[in-house]
């Protein structure tokens, strides 16, 4: 009796998403290190928390693959970079990465619809909702950086922006509600 409840094609796509989530986590860690080097502790703390959120996504996808009887494949991730030259570049990197994640997730959702794998389609809805929030947050932070002066922001504006970003709430309700880690 076949106990694998996911196609090889979807298994491969989900494993690729695991790798993309791992890459995103590494990118956020790189940005946290850049922020620390530039005395932006609020930005650093934000990026550290966001890196953790990406690892939560990765773990939940792994759990789902296993739950469906699939095989998880952990691939090497590329080195993130380059480091940004400004706060504006930092948040442009964040937005670009979140858009890349969203695009990959939408492909998996479409694939699950095409295969009529409703369990996977349903599972992916939390990631769709999560990415909507991620992109909104990235756009909001980028807008704040632009309002603070963009690439030519003053030290005072950078100081204030750092405080605002450091106080940005980062709860993970959507991710925490799906397949809670034991």
N, C-alpha and C. Protein backbone atom coordinates (compact mmCIF):
# COMPACT_ATOMS: atom_id res chain seq x y z
N UNK A 1 0.85 -1.19 0.00
CA UNK A 1 0.00 0.00 0.00
C UNK A 1 0.89 1.24 0.00
N UNK A 2 0.59 2.15 -0.88
CA UNK A 2 1.36 3.39 -0.98
C UNK A 2 0.89 4.37 0.10
N UNK A 3 1.79 4.75 0.99
CA UNK A 3 1.43 5.68 2.07
C UNK A 3 1.92 7.10 1.79
N UNK A 4 2.54 7.30 0.65
CA UNK A 4 2.99 8.65 0.28
C UNK A 4 1.79 9.39 -0.31
N UNK A 5 1.44 10.51 0.31
CA UNK A 5 0.24 11.24 -0.07
C UNK A 5 0.56 12.56 -0.78
N UNK A 6 1.74 12.63 -1.37
CA UNK A 6 2.16 13.83 -2.08
C UNK A 6 2.93 13.39 -3.32
N UNK A 7 2.74 14.11 -4.42
CA UNK A 7 3.44 13.74 -5.65
C UNK A 7 4.92 14.10 -5.55
N UNK A 8 5.72 13.43 -6.35
CA UNK A 8 7.15 13.75 -6.40
C UNK A 8 7.37 15.20 -6.84
N UNK A 9 6.54 15.67 -7.76
CA UNK A 9 6.65 17.04 -8.26
C UNK A 9 6.41 18.06 -7.14
N UNK A 10 5.34 17.86 -6.35
CA UNK A 10 5.07 18.77 -5.24
C UNK A 10 6.11 18.61 -4.13
N UNK A 11 6.53 17.39 -3.89
CA UNK A 11 7.58 17.16 -2.89
C UNK A 11 8.84 17.95 -3.26
N UNK A 12 9.22 17.89 -4.53
CA UNK A 12 10.40 18.62 -5.00
C UNK A 12 10.21 20.13 -4.85
N UNK A 13 9.04 20.63 -5.19
CA UNK A 13 8.77 22.07 -5.08
C UNK A 13 8.78 22.52 -3.61
N UNK A 14 8.21 21.71 -2.73
CA UNK A 14 8.22 22.06 -1.31
C UNK A 14 9.63 22.01 -0.74
N UNK A 15 10.42 21.05 -1.16
CA UNK A 15 11.81 21.00 -0.73
C UNK A 15 12.58 22.22 -1.22
N UNK A 16 12.30 22.67 -2.44
CA UNK A 16 12.94 23.88 -2.95
C UNK A 16 12.51 25.09 -2.11
N UNK A 17 11.25 25.09 -1.63
CA UNK A 17 10.79 26.19 -0.79
C UNK A 17 11.50 26.15 0.56
N UNK A 18 11.77 24.96 1.07
CA UNK A 18 12.55 24.84 2.32
C UNK A 18 13.90 25.54 2.13
N UNK A 19 14.54 25.26 1.01
CA UNK A 19 15.84 25.88 0.73
C UNK A 19 15.71 27.39 0.60
N UNK A 20 14.66 27.86 -0.06
CA UNK A 20 14.45 29.31 -0.20
C UNK A 20 14.20 29.96 1.15
N UNK A 21 13.46 29.31 2.02
CA UNK A 21 13.23 29.85 3.36
C UNK A 21 14.55 29.90 4.15
N UNK A 22 15.39 28.87 3.98
CA UNK A 22 16.69 28.86 4.65
C UNK A 22 17.56 30.00 4.13
N UNK A 23 17.53 30.21 2.83
CA UNK A 23 18.28 31.33 2.24
C UNK A 23 17.78 32.66 2.80
N UNK A 24 16.46 32.81 2.89
CA UNK A 24 15.89 34.04 3.43
C UNK A 24 16.36 34.27 4.87
N UNK A 25 16.37 33.20 5.66
CA UNK A 25 16.84 33.32 7.04
C UNK A 25 18.29 33.79 7.08
N UNK A 26 19.12 33.23 6.20
CA UNK A 26 20.52 33.65 6.13
C UNK A 26 20.65 35.10 5.68
N UNK A 27 19.81 35.50 4.72
CA UNK A 27 19.86 36.88 4.25
C UNK A 27 19.52 37.84 5.40
N UNK A 28 18.51 37.50 6.17
CA UNK A 28 18.15 38.35 7.31
C UNK A 28 19.27 38.39 8.35
N UNK A 29 19.96 37.27 8.54
CA UNK A 29 21.10 37.28 9.46
C UNK A 29 22.21 38.18 8.94
N UNK A 30 22.47 38.13 7.63
CA UNK A 30 23.48 39.00 7.04
C UNK A 30 23.10 40.47 7.23
N UNK A 31 21.81 40.78 7.03
CA UNK A 31 21.35 42.16 7.21
C UNK A 31 21.44 42.57 8.68
N UNK A 32 21.19 41.64 9.60
CA UNK A 32 21.33 41.93 11.02
C UNK A 32 22.79 42.26 11.36
N UNK A 33 23.71 41.52 10.78
CA UNK A 33 25.13 41.79 11.01
C UNK A 33 25.53 43.14 10.43
N UNK A 34 25.03 43.44 9.24
CA UNK A 34 25.30 44.75 8.62
C UNK A 34 24.76 45.86 9.52
N UNK A 35 23.54 45.68 10.03
CA UNK A 35 22.94 46.70 10.89
C UNK A 35 23.77 46.89 12.16
N UNK A 36 24.24 45.79 12.73
CA UNK A 36 25.07 45.88 13.94
C UNK A 36 26.36 46.65 13.65
N UNK A 37 26.97 46.36 12.51
CA UNK A 37 28.20 47.06 12.12
C UNK A 37 27.97 48.55 11.92
N UNK A 38 26.72 48.94 11.65
CA UNK A 38 26.37 50.33 11.39
C UNK A 38 25.62 50.96 12.56
N UNK A 39 25.75 50.37 13.74
CA UNK A 39 25.16 50.88 14.97
C UNK A 39 23.64 51.09 14.86
N UNK A 40 22.98 50.17 14.18
CA UNK A 40 21.52 50.23 14.02
C UNK A 40 20.90 49.06 14.78
N UNK A 41 20.90 49.17 16.11
CA UNK A 41 20.45 48.06 16.94
C UNK A 41 18.98 47.72 16.73
N UNK A 42 18.14 48.70 16.45
CA UNK A 42 16.73 48.43 16.19
C UNK A 42 16.55 47.61 14.93
N UNK A 43 17.27 47.98 13.88
CA UNK A 43 17.23 47.24 12.63
C UNK A 43 17.80 45.84 12.84
N UNK A 44 18.90 45.76 13.58
CA UNK A 44 19.52 44.45 13.87
C UNK A 44 18.53 43.52 14.56
N UNK A 45 17.87 44.01 15.59
CA UNK A 45 16.92 43.17 16.33
C UNK A 45 15.76 42.74 15.44
N UNK A 46 15.29 43.65 14.61
CA UNK A 46 14.22 43.32 13.68
C UNK A 46 14.65 42.19 12.75
N UNK A 47 15.85 42.32 12.18
CA UNK A 47 16.34 41.32 11.23
C UNK A 47 16.60 39.97 11.91
N UNK A 48 17.08 39.99 13.14
CA UNK A 48 17.30 38.73 13.86
C UNK A 48 15.97 38.00 14.08
N UNK A 49 14.95 38.74 14.48
CA UNK A 49 13.64 38.12 14.69
C UNK A 49 13.07 37.61 13.38
N UNK A 50 13.28 38.36 12.33
CA UNK A 50 12.75 37.94 11.04
C UNK A 50 13.46 36.69 10.53
N UNK A 51 14.74 36.57 10.81
CA UNK A 51 15.46 35.36 10.45
C UNK A 51 14.83 34.15 11.15
N UNK A 52 14.48 34.33 12.40
CA UNK A 52 13.83 33.24 13.15
C UNK A 52 12.49 32.87 12.51
N UNK A 53 11.74 33.87 12.07
CA UNK A 53 10.46 33.59 11.44
C UNK A 53 10.64 32.75 10.18
N UNK A 54 11.66 33.05 9.40
CA UNK A 54 11.92 32.26 8.18
C UNK A 54 12.27 30.82 8.54
N UNK A 55 12.98 30.61 9.64
CA UNK A 55 13.30 29.25 10.07
C UNK A 55 12.05 28.52 10.53
N UNK A 56 11.10 29.25 11.12
CA UNK A 56 9.82 28.65 11.49
C UNK A 56 9.08 28.18 10.24
N UNK A 57 9.07 29.02 9.21
CA UNK A 57 8.44 28.62 7.94
C UNK A 57 9.08 27.35 7.42
N UNK A 58 10.39 27.33 7.41
CA UNK A 58 11.14 26.18 6.92
C UNK A 58 10.74 24.91 7.69
N UNK A 59 10.70 25.01 9.01
CA UNK A 59 10.37 23.84 9.84
C UNK A 59 8.94 23.36 9.57
N UNK A 60 8.04 24.26 9.38
CA UNK A 60 6.65 23.87 9.15
C UNK A 60 6.48 23.18 7.81
N UNK A 61 7.22 23.63 6.80
CA UNK A 61 7.16 22.97 5.49
C UNK A 61 7.77 21.57 5.59
N UNK A 62 8.88 21.45 6.31
CA UNK A 62 9.49 20.14 6.52
C UNK A 62 8.50 19.19 7.20
N UNK A 63 7.85 19.67 8.25
CA UNK A 63 6.87 18.85 8.95
C UNK A 63 5.74 18.41 8.03
N UNK A 64 5.31 19.31 7.16
CA UNK A 64 4.22 18.97 6.24
C UNK A 64 4.65 17.87 5.26
N UNK A 65 5.83 18.02 4.68
CA UNK A 65 6.34 17.00 3.76
C UNK A 65 6.36 15.64 4.46
N UNK A 66 6.87 15.61 5.69
CA UNK A 66 6.95 14.37 6.44
C UNK A 66 5.56 13.82 6.77
N UNK A 67 4.66 14.70 7.13
CA UNK A 67 3.29 14.30 7.45
C UNK A 67 2.61 13.61 6.27
N UNK A 68 2.95 14.02 5.07
CA UNK A 68 2.34 13.46 3.86
C UNK A 68 3.12 12.26 3.33
N UNK A 69 4.11 11.80 4.09
CA UNK A 69 4.87 10.61 3.71
C UNK A 69 5.98 10.88 2.71
N UNK A 70 6.27 12.15 2.47
CA UNK A 70 7.32 12.51 1.52
C UNK A 70 8.69 12.45 2.16
N UNK A 71 9.68 12.70 1.34
CA UNK A 71 11.07 12.70 1.79
C UNK A 71 11.60 14.12 1.74
N UNK A 72 12.14 14.56 2.84
CA UNK A 72 12.73 15.90 2.91
C UNK A 72 14.15 15.84 2.39
N UNK A 73 14.49 16.81 1.58
CA UNK A 73 15.84 16.93 1.04
C UNK A 73 16.38 18.30 1.43
N UNK A 74 17.42 18.31 2.22
CA UNK A 74 18.02 19.57 2.66
C UNK A 74 19.18 19.89 1.73
N UNK A 75 19.03 20.96 0.98
CA UNK A 75 20.06 21.37 0.03
C UNK A 75 20.91 22.50 0.59
N UNK A 76 22.07 22.67 0.00
CA UNK A 76 22.95 23.78 0.36
C UNK A 76 22.28 25.08 -0.07
N UNK A 77 22.56 26.13 0.68
CA UNK A 77 22.02 27.43 0.31
C UNK A 77 23.15 28.33 -0.16
N UNK A 78 22.79 29.25 -1.04
CA UNK A 78 23.76 30.21 -1.52
C UNK A 78 24.08 31.25 -0.46
N UNK A 79 25.25 31.81 -0.56
CA UNK A 79 25.67 32.88 0.34
C UNK A 79 24.87 34.14 0.02
N UNK A 80 24.25 34.75 1.04
CA UNK A 80 23.52 35.99 0.77
C UNK A 80 24.50 37.14 0.56
N UNK A 81 24.03 38.10 -0.13
CA UNK A 81 24.88 39.28 -0.33
C UNK A 81 24.51 39.97 -1.61
N UNK A 82 25.12 41.03 -1.89
CA UNK A 82 26.11 41.72 -1.07
C UNK A 82 25.44 42.50 0.06
N UNK A 83 26.26 42.92 1.00
CA UNK A 83 25.74 43.75 2.08
C UNK A 83 25.27 45.08 1.48
N UNK A 84 24.23 45.64 2.06
CA UNK A 84 23.73 46.92 1.54
C UNK A 84 24.69 48.06 1.86
N UNK A 85 24.54 49.14 1.12
CA UNK A 85 25.33 50.34 1.36
C UNK A 85 24.56 51.39 2.13
N UNK A 86 23.27 51.15 2.35
CA UNK A 86 22.43 52.13 3.05
C UNK A 86 21.21 51.42 3.62
N UNK A 87 20.50 52.14 4.47
CA UNK A 87 19.26 51.60 5.06
C UNK A 87 18.25 51.34 3.95
N UNK A 88 18.18 52.22 2.98
CA UNK A 88 17.22 52.04 1.89
C UNK A 88 17.53 50.77 1.11
N UNK A 89 18.81 50.51 0.83
CA UNK A 89 19.20 49.27 0.14
C UNK A 89 18.86 48.05 0.99
N UNK A 90 19.01 48.19 2.29
CA UNK A 90 18.68 47.10 3.21
C UNK A 90 17.22 46.69 3.04
N UNK A 91 16.32 47.66 3.06
CA UNK A 91 14.90 47.34 2.98
C UNK A 91 14.45 47.04 1.56
N UNK A 92 15.17 47.50 0.56
CA UNK A 92 14.91 47.05 -0.81
C UNK A 92 15.24 45.56 -0.94
N UNK A 93 16.32 45.13 -0.29
CA UNK A 93 16.68 43.71 -0.28
C UNK A 93 15.60 42.88 0.38
N UNK A 94 15.07 43.38 1.49
CA UNK A 94 14.00 42.68 2.19
C UNK A 94 12.79 42.52 1.28
N UNK A 95 12.37 43.61 0.65
CA UNK A 95 11.20 43.54 -0.22
C UNK A 95 11.44 42.58 -1.39
N UNK A 96 12.59 42.67 -2.01
CA UNK A 96 12.89 41.79 -3.14
C UNK A 96 12.87 40.32 -2.73
N UNK A 97 13.40 40.01 -1.56
CA UNK A 97 13.40 38.63 -1.09
C UNK A 97 11.99 38.14 -0.81
N UNK A 98 11.18 38.97 -0.22
CA UNK A 98 9.80 38.57 0.08
C UNK A 98 9.01 38.37 -1.21
N UNK A 99 9.25 39.19 -2.22
CA UNK A 99 8.58 39.00 -3.50
C UNK A 99 9.02 37.68 -4.14
N UNK A 100 10.31 37.35 -4.04
CA UNK A 100 10.79 36.07 -4.56
C UNK A 100 10.11 34.90 -3.84
N UNK A 101 9.98 35.00 -2.52
CA UNK A 101 9.30 33.95 -1.75
C UNK A 101 7.85 33.81 -2.19
N UNK A 102 7.17 34.95 -2.34
CA UNK A 102 5.76 34.93 -2.74
C UNK A 102 5.59 34.26 -4.09
N UNK A 103 6.44 34.62 -5.04
CA UNK A 103 6.36 34.04 -6.38
C UNK A 103 6.52 32.52 -6.33
N UNK A 104 7.47 32.04 -5.56
CA UNK A 104 7.69 30.59 -5.43
C UNK A 104 6.50 29.91 -4.77
N UNK A 105 5.93 30.54 -3.77
CA UNK A 105 4.77 29.97 -3.06
C UNK A 105 3.56 29.89 -3.98
N UNK A 106 3.35 30.93 -4.76
CA UNK A 106 2.22 30.91 -5.71
C UNK A 106 2.35 29.77 -6.71
N UNK A 107 3.57 29.46 -7.13
CA UNK A 107 3.78 28.35 -8.07
C UNK A 107 3.39 27.03 -7.42
N UNK A 108 3.70 26.86 -6.14
CA UNK A 108 3.33 25.63 -5.43
C UNK A 108 1.81 25.56 -5.28
N UNK A 109 1.18 26.68 -4.97
CA UNK A 109 -0.28 26.70 -4.85
C UNK A 109 -0.92 26.29 -6.17
N UNK A 110 -0.44 26.86 -7.27
CA UNK A 110 -0.98 26.52 -8.59
C UNK A 110 -0.76 25.04 -8.90
N UNK A 111 0.43 24.57 -8.60
CA UNK A 111 0.75 23.16 -8.84
C UNK A 111 -0.19 22.26 -8.04
N UNK A 112 -0.45 22.62 -6.79
CA UNK A 112 -1.34 21.79 -5.97
C UNK A 112 -2.78 21.84 -6.51
N UNK A 113 -3.19 22.98 -7.06
CA UNK A 113 -4.52 23.05 -7.69
C UNK A 113 -4.56 22.17 -8.93
N UNK A 114 -3.54 22.29 -9.76
CA UNK A 114 -3.49 21.50 -10.99
C UNK A 114 -3.53 20.00 -10.70
N UNK A 115 -2.89 19.58 -9.62
CA UNK A 115 -2.86 18.16 -9.25
C UNK A 115 -4.07 17.76 -8.40
N UNK A 116 -4.89 18.72 -8.07
CA UNK A 116 -6.03 18.50 -7.18
C UNK A 116 -5.60 17.88 -5.86
N UNK A 117 -4.47 18.37 -5.36
CA UNK A 117 -3.96 17.96 -4.05
C UNK A 117 -4.45 19.03 -3.07
N UNK A 118 -5.65 18.82 -2.59
CA UNK A 118 -6.30 19.83 -1.77
C UNK A 118 -5.68 19.96 -0.38
N UNK A 119 -5.07 18.91 0.11
CA UNK A 119 -4.38 19.00 1.40
C UNK A 119 -3.20 19.97 1.28
N UNK A 120 -2.42 19.84 0.21
CA UNK A 120 -1.29 20.75 0.03
C UNK A 120 -1.78 22.15 -0.26
N UNK A 121 -2.82 22.26 -1.09
CA UNK A 121 -3.39 23.59 -1.37
C UNK A 121 -3.81 24.25 -0.07
N UNK A 122 -4.50 23.50 0.78
CA UNK A 122 -4.96 24.05 2.06
C UNK A 122 -3.77 24.43 2.95
N UNK A 123 -2.77 23.58 3.04
CA UNK A 123 -1.58 23.88 3.83
C UNK A 123 -0.92 25.16 3.36
N UNK A 124 -0.84 25.35 2.06
CA UNK A 124 -0.15 26.51 1.50
C UNK A 124 -0.87 27.83 1.77
N UNK A 125 -2.13 27.77 2.14
CA UNK A 125 -2.87 29.01 2.36
C UNK A 125 -2.30 29.83 3.53
N UNK A 126 -1.73 29.16 4.53
CA UNK A 126 -1.12 29.92 5.62
C UNK A 126 0.10 30.68 5.10
N UNK A 127 0.84 30.08 4.16
CA UNK A 127 1.99 30.77 3.59
C UNK A 127 1.57 31.92 2.68
N UNK A 128 0.48 31.74 1.96
CA UNK A 128 -0.05 32.83 1.13
C UNK A 128 -0.40 34.02 2.03
N UNK A 129 -1.11 33.75 3.11
CA UNK A 129 -1.48 34.82 4.05
C UNK A 129 -0.24 35.42 4.70
N UNK A 130 0.70 34.58 5.05
CA UNK A 130 1.94 35.04 5.67
C UNK A 130 2.70 35.97 4.72
N UNK A 131 2.78 35.59 3.44
CA UNK A 131 3.51 36.41 2.48
C UNK A 131 2.82 37.74 2.22
N UNK A 132 1.50 37.75 2.28
CA UNK A 132 0.79 39.03 2.15
C UNK A 132 1.24 39.97 3.27
N UNK A 133 1.33 39.43 4.47
CA UNK A 133 1.79 40.23 5.62
C UNK A 133 3.27 40.63 5.47
N UNK A 134 4.09 39.69 5.00
CA UNK A 134 5.52 39.95 4.83
C UNK A 134 5.75 41.08 3.82
N UNK A 135 5.06 41.01 2.69
CA UNK A 135 5.23 42.05 1.68
C UNK A 135 4.73 43.40 2.18
N UNK A 136 3.61 43.41 2.89
CA UNK A 136 3.08 44.66 3.44
C UNK A 136 4.08 45.26 4.42
N UNK A 137 4.63 44.44 5.30
CA UNK A 137 5.61 44.92 6.26
C UNK A 137 6.86 45.46 5.55
N UNK A 138 7.35 44.73 4.55
CA UNK A 138 8.53 45.18 3.81
C UNK A 138 8.26 46.51 3.11
N UNK A 139 7.09 46.65 2.51
CA UNK A 139 6.74 47.91 1.85
C UNK A 139 6.63 49.05 2.85
N UNK A 140 6.02 48.78 4.01
CA UNK A 140 5.90 49.81 5.05
C UNK A 140 7.27 50.28 5.53
N UNK A 141 8.18 49.34 5.75
CA UNK A 141 9.52 49.71 6.22
C UNK A 141 10.29 50.46 5.14
N UNK A 142 10.15 50.04 3.91
CA UNK A 142 10.80 50.75 2.81
C UNK A 142 10.24 52.16 2.70
N UNK A 143 8.93 52.32 2.82
CA UNK A 143 8.31 53.65 2.79
C UNK A 143 8.84 54.53 3.92
N UNK A 144 8.98 53.94 5.11
CA UNK A 144 9.51 54.70 6.24
C UNK A 144 10.94 55.16 5.96
N UNK A 145 11.74 54.28 5.37
CA UNK A 145 13.13 54.64 5.04
C UNK A 145 13.16 55.76 4.00
N UNK A 146 12.25 55.70 3.04
CA UNK A 146 12.17 56.77 2.03
C UNK A 146 11.75 58.08 2.68
N UNK A 147 10.75 58.03 3.56
CA UNK A 147 10.30 59.24 4.25
C UNK A 147 11.39 59.85 5.12
N UNK A 148 12.27 59.00 5.64
CA UNK A 148 13.36 59.48 6.49
C UNK A 148 14.49 60.10 5.67
N UNK A 149 14.37 60.06 4.35
CA UNK A 149 15.38 60.70 3.51
C UNK A 149 16.03 59.77 2.51
N UNK A 150 15.63 58.51 2.50
CA UNK A 150 16.20 57.58 1.53
C UNK A 150 17.70 57.41 1.71
N UNK A 151 18.40 57.31 0.60
CA UNK A 151 19.85 57.08 0.64
C UNK A 151 20.62 58.24 1.25
N UNK A 152 20.00 59.42 1.28
CA UNK A 152 20.72 60.58 1.81
C UNK A 152 20.15 61.03 3.16
N UNK A 153 19.58 60.09 3.93
CA UNK A 153 19.00 60.49 5.21
C UNK A 153 20.08 60.98 6.17
N UNK A 154 19.70 61.94 6.97
CA UNK A 154 20.63 62.49 7.96
C UNK A 154 20.84 61.48 9.08
N UNK A 155 21.88 61.71 9.87
CA UNK A 155 22.13 60.83 11.01
C UNK A 155 20.96 60.88 12.00
N UNK A 156 20.37 62.05 12.17
CA UNK A 156 19.23 62.19 13.08
C UNK A 156 18.04 61.37 12.57
N UNK A 157 17.78 61.45 11.27
CA UNK A 157 16.68 60.67 10.68
C UNK A 157 16.96 59.18 10.81
N UNK A 158 18.21 58.78 10.58
CA UNK A 158 18.59 57.37 10.70
C UNK A 158 18.39 56.90 12.14
N UNK A 159 18.76 57.73 13.09
CA UNK A 159 18.59 57.41 14.51
C UNK A 159 17.12 57.19 14.84
N UNK A 160 16.26 58.10 14.37
CA UNK A 160 14.83 57.99 14.64
C UNK A 160 14.22 56.78 13.93
N UNK A 161 14.61 56.55 12.69
CA UNK A 161 14.12 55.40 11.94
C UNK A 161 14.53 54.10 12.63
N UNK A 162 15.74 54.03 13.10
CA UNK A 162 16.22 52.85 13.82
C UNK A 162 15.35 52.58 15.04
N UNK A 163 14.97 53.63 15.77
CA UNK A 163 14.10 53.46 16.94
C UNK A 163 12.73 52.93 16.52
N UNK A 164 12.17 53.49 15.46
CA UNK A 164 10.85 53.07 14.98
C UNK A 164 10.89 51.59 14.58
N UNK A 165 11.90 51.22 13.82
CA UNK A 165 12.01 49.83 13.36
C UNK A 165 12.23 48.89 14.54
N UNK A 166 13.02 49.33 15.50
CA UNK A 166 13.24 48.52 16.69
C UNK A 166 11.98 48.27 17.49
N UNK A 167 11.01 49.16 17.35
CA UNK A 167 9.73 49.02 18.07
C UNK A 167 8.64 48.39 17.21
N UNK A 168 8.99 47.97 16.01
CA UNK A 168 8.01 47.33 15.13
C UNK A 168 7.68 45.95 15.68
N UNK A 169 6.41 45.72 15.92
CA UNK A 169 5.98 44.42 16.45
C UNK A 169 6.25 43.31 15.46
N UNK A 170 6.66 42.18 15.97
CA UNK A 170 6.91 41.02 15.12
C UNK A 170 6.35 39.78 15.77
N UNK A 171 5.07 39.69 15.74
CA UNK A 171 4.42 38.47 16.20
C UNK A 171 4.30 37.56 14.98
N UNK A 172 4.24 36.28 15.20
CA UNK A 172 4.13 35.33 14.10
C UNK A 172 2.84 34.51 14.24
N UNK A 173 1.68 35.17 14.33
CA UNK A 173 0.46 34.40 14.62
C UNK A 173 0.10 33.40 13.54
N UNK A 174 0.28 33.75 12.30
CA UNK A 174 -0.11 32.81 11.23
C UNK A 174 0.80 31.60 11.28
N UNK A 175 2.10 31.83 11.31
CA UNK A 175 3.06 30.73 11.34
C UNK A 175 2.90 29.88 12.60
N UNK A 176 2.63 30.51 13.73
CA UNK A 176 2.52 29.78 14.98
C UNK A 176 1.26 28.93 15.05
N UNK A 177 0.23 29.28 14.29
CA UNK A 177 -1.02 28.54 14.35
C UNK A 177 -1.04 27.29 13.50
N UNK A 178 -0.08 27.11 12.63
CA UNK A 178 -0.04 25.97 11.72
C UNK A 178 1.02 24.99 12.20
N UNK A 179 0.65 23.73 12.35
CA UNK A 179 1.58 22.69 12.77
C UNK A 179 2.49 23.18 13.91
N UNK A 180 1.94 23.53 15.06
CA UNK A 180 2.80 24.04 16.14
C UNK A 180 3.94 23.07 16.44
N UNK A 181 5.12 23.63 16.58
CA UNK A 181 6.28 22.80 16.91
C UNK A 181 6.08 22.28 18.34
N UNK A 182 6.30 21.01 18.52
CA UNK A 182 6.10 20.41 19.83
C UNK A 182 7.21 20.81 20.75
